[in-house]
N, C-alpha and C. Protein backbone atom coordinates (compact mmCIF):
# COMPACT_ATOMS: atom_id res chain seq x y z
N MET A 1 1.68 6.40 -5.80
CA MET A 1 1.19 5.15 -6.32
C MET A 1 -0.06 4.70 -5.58
N VAL A 2 -0.08 4.90 -4.27
CA VAL A 2 -1.25 4.50 -3.48
C VAL A 2 -2.47 5.30 -3.90
N GLN A 3 -2.31 6.59 -4.07
CA GLN A 3 -3.43 7.43 -4.49
C GLN A 3 -3.94 7.01 -5.87
N TYR A 4 -3.03 6.68 -6.77
CA TYR A 4 -3.40 6.21 -8.09
C TYR A 4 -4.22 4.92 -7.99
N GLU A 5 -3.75 3.98 -7.18
CA GLU A 5 -4.44 2.70 -7.02
C GLU A 5 -5.82 2.89 -6.39
N LEU A 6 -5.93 3.75 -5.41
CA LEU A 6 -7.23 4.03 -4.79
C LEU A 6 -8.20 4.64 -5.81
N ALA A 7 -7.71 5.55 -6.63
CA ALA A 7 -8.55 6.16 -7.66
C ALA A 7 -8.97 5.13 -8.70
N ARG A 8 -8.05 4.24 -9.08
CA ARG A 8 -8.36 3.19 -10.05
C ARG A 8 -9.44 2.26 -9.53
N ARG A 9 -9.33 1.85 -8.27
CA ARG A 9 -10.32 0.96 -7.67
C ARG A 9 -11.67 1.64 -7.52
N ALA A 10 -11.66 2.91 -7.15
CA ALA A 10 -12.92 3.66 -7.02
C ALA A 10 -13.63 3.74 -8.37
N ALA A 11 -12.86 3.97 -9.43
CA ALA A 11 -13.44 4.06 -10.77
C ALA A 11 -13.97 2.72 -11.25
N SER A 12 -13.36 1.62 -10.82
CA SER A 12 -13.79 0.30 -11.27
C SER A 12 -14.88 -0.30 -10.39
N GLY A 13 -15.16 0.35 -9.25
CA GLY A 13 -16.17 -0.17 -8.33
C GLY A 13 -15.62 -1.20 -7.37
N GLN A 14 -14.34 -1.44 -7.39
CA GLN A 14 -13.71 -2.40 -6.49
C GLN A 14 -13.42 -1.69 -5.18
N ASN A 15 -14.13 -2.06 -4.13
CA ASN A 15 -14.01 -1.35 -2.86
C ASN A 15 -13.06 -1.99 -1.87
N SER A 16 -12.77 -3.26 -2.02
CA SER A 16 -11.94 -3.92 -1.03
C SER A 16 -10.83 -4.71 -1.70
N VAL A 17 -9.88 -5.08 -0.91
CA VAL A 17 -8.76 -5.86 -1.40
C VAL A 17 -8.97 -7.30 -0.94
N SER A 18 -8.81 -8.22 -1.87
CA SER A 18 -8.96 -9.63 -1.54
C SER A 18 -7.75 -10.37 -2.06
N GLY A 19 -7.40 -11.44 -1.39
CA GLY A 19 -6.27 -12.24 -1.82
C GLY A 19 -6.63 -13.22 -2.92
N HIS A 20 -7.89 -13.30 -3.31
CA HIS A 20 -8.31 -14.26 -4.33
C HIS A 20 -8.10 -13.68 -5.72
N PRO A 21 -7.51 -14.43 -6.63
CA PRO A 21 -7.23 -13.90 -7.97
C PRO A 21 -8.46 -13.57 -8.80
N PHE A 22 -9.64 -14.11 -8.46
CA PHE A 22 -10.84 -13.83 -9.24
C PHE A 22 -11.65 -12.66 -8.70
N SER A 23 -11.32 -12.17 -7.53
CA SER A 23 -12.09 -11.09 -6.93
C SER A 23 -12.04 -9.83 -7.79
N GLY A 24 -13.21 -9.28 -8.04
CA GLY A 24 -13.31 -8.06 -8.82
C GLY A 24 -13.14 -8.23 -10.31
N LYS A 25 -13.12 -9.48 -10.79
CA LYS A 25 -12.88 -9.72 -12.21
C LYS A 25 -14.01 -10.47 -12.90
N ILE A 26 -14.94 -11.01 -12.16
CA ILE A 26 -16.01 -11.82 -12.74
C ILE A 26 -17.35 -11.15 -12.45
N PHE A 27 -18.17 -11.01 -13.49
CA PHE A 27 -19.47 -10.35 -13.34
C PHE A 27 -20.60 -11.27 -13.78
N PHE A 28 -21.74 -11.10 -13.15
CA PHE A 28 -22.94 -11.85 -13.52
C PHE A 28 -23.67 -11.13 -14.65
N THR A 29 -24.62 -11.82 -15.26
CA THR A 29 -25.39 -11.23 -16.36
C THR A 29 -26.21 -10.03 -15.91
N CYS A 30 -26.54 -9.94 -14.62
CA CYS A 30 -27.30 -8.80 -14.11
C CYS A 30 -26.42 -7.56 -13.96
N GLY A 31 -25.11 -7.73 -14.12
CA GLY A 31 -24.17 -6.62 -13.96
C GLY A 31 -23.50 -6.62 -12.60
N GLY A 32 -23.98 -7.45 -11.67
CA GLY A 32 -23.38 -7.54 -10.34
C GLY A 32 -22.05 -8.29 -10.38
N MET A 33 -21.19 -7.96 -9.46
CA MET A 33 -19.87 -8.58 -9.38
C MET A 33 -19.93 -9.83 -8.51
N PHE A 34 -19.16 -10.84 -8.91
CA PHE A 34 -19.01 -12.05 -8.09
C PHE A 34 -18.35 -11.68 -6.77
N GLY A 35 -18.78 -12.31 -5.72
CA GLY A 35 -18.13 -12.17 -4.44
C GLY A 35 -18.05 -13.52 -3.76
N SER A 36 -16.96 -13.80 -3.09
CA SER A 36 -16.85 -15.08 -2.39
C SER A 36 -17.52 -14.96 -1.04
N LYS A 37 -18.26 -15.98 -0.70
CA LYS A 37 -18.97 -16.05 0.58
C LYS A 37 -18.64 -17.40 1.21
N VAL A 38 -18.55 -17.42 2.52
CA VAL A 38 -18.30 -18.68 3.23
C VAL A 38 -19.62 -19.13 3.82
N TRP A 39 -20.06 -20.30 3.39
CA TRP A 39 -21.28 -20.89 3.93
C TRP A 39 -20.91 -21.87 5.04
N ASN A 40 -21.69 -21.87 6.10
CA ASN A 40 -21.48 -22.77 7.24
C ASN A 40 -20.06 -22.62 7.79
N SER A 41 -19.70 -21.39 8.09
CA SER A 41 -18.32 -21.08 8.46
C SER A 41 -17.82 -21.81 9.69
N ASN A 42 -18.70 -22.12 10.62
CA ASN A 42 -18.24 -22.80 11.83
C ASN A 42 -18.76 -24.24 11.90
N GLN A 43 -19.01 -24.83 10.75
CA GLN A 43 -19.50 -26.19 10.67
C GLN A 43 -18.48 -27.08 9.95
N PRO A 44 -18.56 -28.38 10.14
CA PRO A 44 -17.62 -29.28 9.45
C PRO A 44 -17.76 -29.25 7.92
N HIS A 45 -18.95 -28.93 7.42
CA HIS A 45 -19.15 -28.90 5.96
C HIS A 45 -19.04 -27.48 5.39
N ARG A 46 -18.13 -26.70 5.96
CA ARG A 46 -17.84 -25.34 5.50
C ARG A 46 -17.41 -25.36 4.04
N ARG A 47 -17.87 -24.36 3.26
CA ARG A 47 -17.42 -24.24 1.88
C ARG A 47 -17.50 -22.80 1.41
N THR A 48 -16.68 -22.48 0.43
CA THR A 48 -16.68 -21.16 -0.16
C THR A 48 -17.46 -21.22 -1.46
N VAL A 49 -18.37 -20.27 -1.63
CA VAL A 49 -19.13 -20.17 -2.87
C VAL A 49 -18.99 -18.76 -3.40
N TRP A 50 -19.32 -18.59 -4.68
CA TRP A 50 -19.30 -17.29 -5.33
C TRP A 50 -20.73 -16.98 -5.71
N GLN A 51 -21.18 -15.80 -5.33
CA GLN A 51 -22.52 -15.37 -5.71
C GLN A 51 -22.51 -13.88 -6.00
N CYS A 52 -23.58 -13.42 -6.60
CA CYS A 52 -23.70 -12.03 -6.98
C CYS A 52 -23.71 -11.15 -5.73
N ASN A 53 -22.86 -10.15 -5.70
CA ASN A 53 -22.83 -9.23 -4.55
C ASN A 53 -24.10 -8.39 -4.48
N ALA A 54 -24.80 -8.26 -5.61
CA ALA A 54 -26.04 -7.48 -5.64
C ALA A 54 -27.27 -8.38 -5.57
N LYS A 55 -27.10 -9.63 -5.17
CA LYS A 55 -28.18 -10.61 -5.17
C LYS A 55 -29.42 -10.12 -4.43
N TYR A 56 -29.24 -9.52 -3.29
CA TYR A 56 -30.38 -9.08 -2.49
C TYR A 56 -30.48 -7.57 -2.40
N ALA A 57 -29.76 -6.86 -3.26
CA ALA A 57 -29.83 -5.39 -3.27
C ALA A 57 -31.03 -4.96 -4.11
N GLY A 58 -31.79 -4.04 -3.62
CA GLY A 58 -32.94 -3.55 -4.37
C GLY A 58 -34.14 -4.47 -4.29
N GLU A 59 -35.12 -4.22 -5.13
CA GLU A 59 -36.35 -5.00 -5.09
C GLU A 59 -36.24 -6.33 -5.81
N ALA A 60 -35.53 -6.35 -6.93
CA ALA A 60 -35.40 -7.57 -7.71
C ALA A 60 -34.21 -8.39 -7.20
N VAL A 61 -34.42 -9.68 -7.05
CA VAL A 61 -33.37 -10.59 -6.60
C VAL A 61 -32.68 -11.17 -7.83
N CYS A 62 -31.36 -11.16 -7.85
CA CYS A 62 -30.60 -11.76 -8.95
C CYS A 62 -30.86 -13.26 -8.92
N ARG A 63 -31.26 -13.81 -10.03
CA ARG A 63 -31.61 -15.24 -10.11
C ARG A 63 -30.43 -16.12 -10.55
N THR A 64 -29.27 -15.53 -10.78
CA THR A 64 -28.11 -16.31 -11.18
C THR A 64 -27.69 -17.20 -10.01
N PRO A 65 -27.50 -18.51 -10.25
CA PRO A 65 -27.13 -19.40 -9.15
C PRO A 65 -25.69 -19.17 -8.68
N HIS A 66 -25.40 -19.60 -7.47
CA HIS A 66 -24.04 -19.49 -6.95
C HIS A 66 -23.15 -20.53 -7.63
N LEU A 67 -21.85 -20.32 -7.54
CA LEU A 67 -20.86 -21.26 -8.05
C LEU A 67 -19.90 -21.61 -6.94
N THR A 68 -19.39 -22.83 -6.97
CA THR A 68 -18.38 -23.23 -5.98
C THR A 68 -17.01 -22.77 -6.46
N ASP A 69 -16.04 -22.80 -5.57
CA ASP A 69 -14.66 -22.47 -5.95
C ASP A 69 -14.19 -23.37 -7.09
N GLN A 70 -14.52 -24.66 -7.01
CA GLN A 70 -14.09 -25.61 -8.04
C GLN A 70 -14.69 -25.26 -9.40
N GLN A 71 -15.95 -24.84 -9.45
CA GLN A 71 -16.58 -24.47 -10.70
C GLN A 71 -15.93 -23.24 -11.31
N VAL A 72 -15.63 -22.25 -10.49
CA VAL A 72 -14.99 -21.03 -10.98
C VAL A 72 -13.60 -21.35 -11.52
N GLU A 73 -12.84 -22.13 -10.79
CA GLU A 73 -11.49 -22.48 -11.23
C GLU A 73 -11.52 -23.32 -12.50
N TRP A 74 -12.45 -24.27 -12.59
CA TRP A 74 -12.56 -25.12 -13.77
C TRP A 74 -12.93 -24.29 -14.99
N ARG A 75 -13.87 -23.38 -14.85
CA ARG A 75 -14.29 -22.54 -15.98
C ARG A 75 -13.16 -21.62 -16.44
N SER A 76 -12.39 -21.07 -15.50
CA SER A 76 -11.29 -20.19 -15.90
C SER A 76 -10.18 -21.00 -16.57
N TRP A 77 -9.91 -22.21 -16.07
CA TRP A 77 -8.90 -23.07 -16.68
C TRP A 77 -9.33 -23.46 -18.08
N ARG A 78 -10.61 -23.80 -18.23
CA ARG A 78 -11.14 -24.20 -19.53
C ARG A 78 -11.05 -23.06 -20.53
N ARG A 79 -11.35 -21.85 -20.08
CA ARG A 79 -11.26 -20.68 -20.96
C ARG A 79 -9.82 -20.44 -21.41
N LEU A 80 -8.88 -20.62 -20.48
CA LEU A 80 -7.46 -20.40 -20.83
C LEU A 80 -6.95 -21.43 -21.82
N THR A 81 -7.41 -22.68 -21.69
CA THR A 81 -6.88 -23.75 -22.54
C THR A 81 -7.63 -23.87 -23.86
N SER A 82 -8.79 -23.23 -24.00
CA SER A 82 -9.54 -23.36 -25.25
C SER A 82 -9.10 -22.34 -26.29
N GLY A 83 -8.28 -21.36 -25.87
CA GLY A 83 -7.82 -20.25 -26.66
C GLY A 83 -7.50 -20.51 -28.04
């Protein structure tokens, strides 16, 4: 089962395991995957944001803005309830 799961993740491009339910499931218009980042990690105004993992990869910078945890959760809730 472990070998199967490793092969599945390699095929999907998911390289790491995260405890967040949205990790590896949301993609930007540029094709890059959302990744959670902690801004100001050792400051009182610490927050988690989601941004393109390929934002600074290569010559072109992904122009898609970051999203907060609240925005991602609200959009997923809205999508589920609009069904």
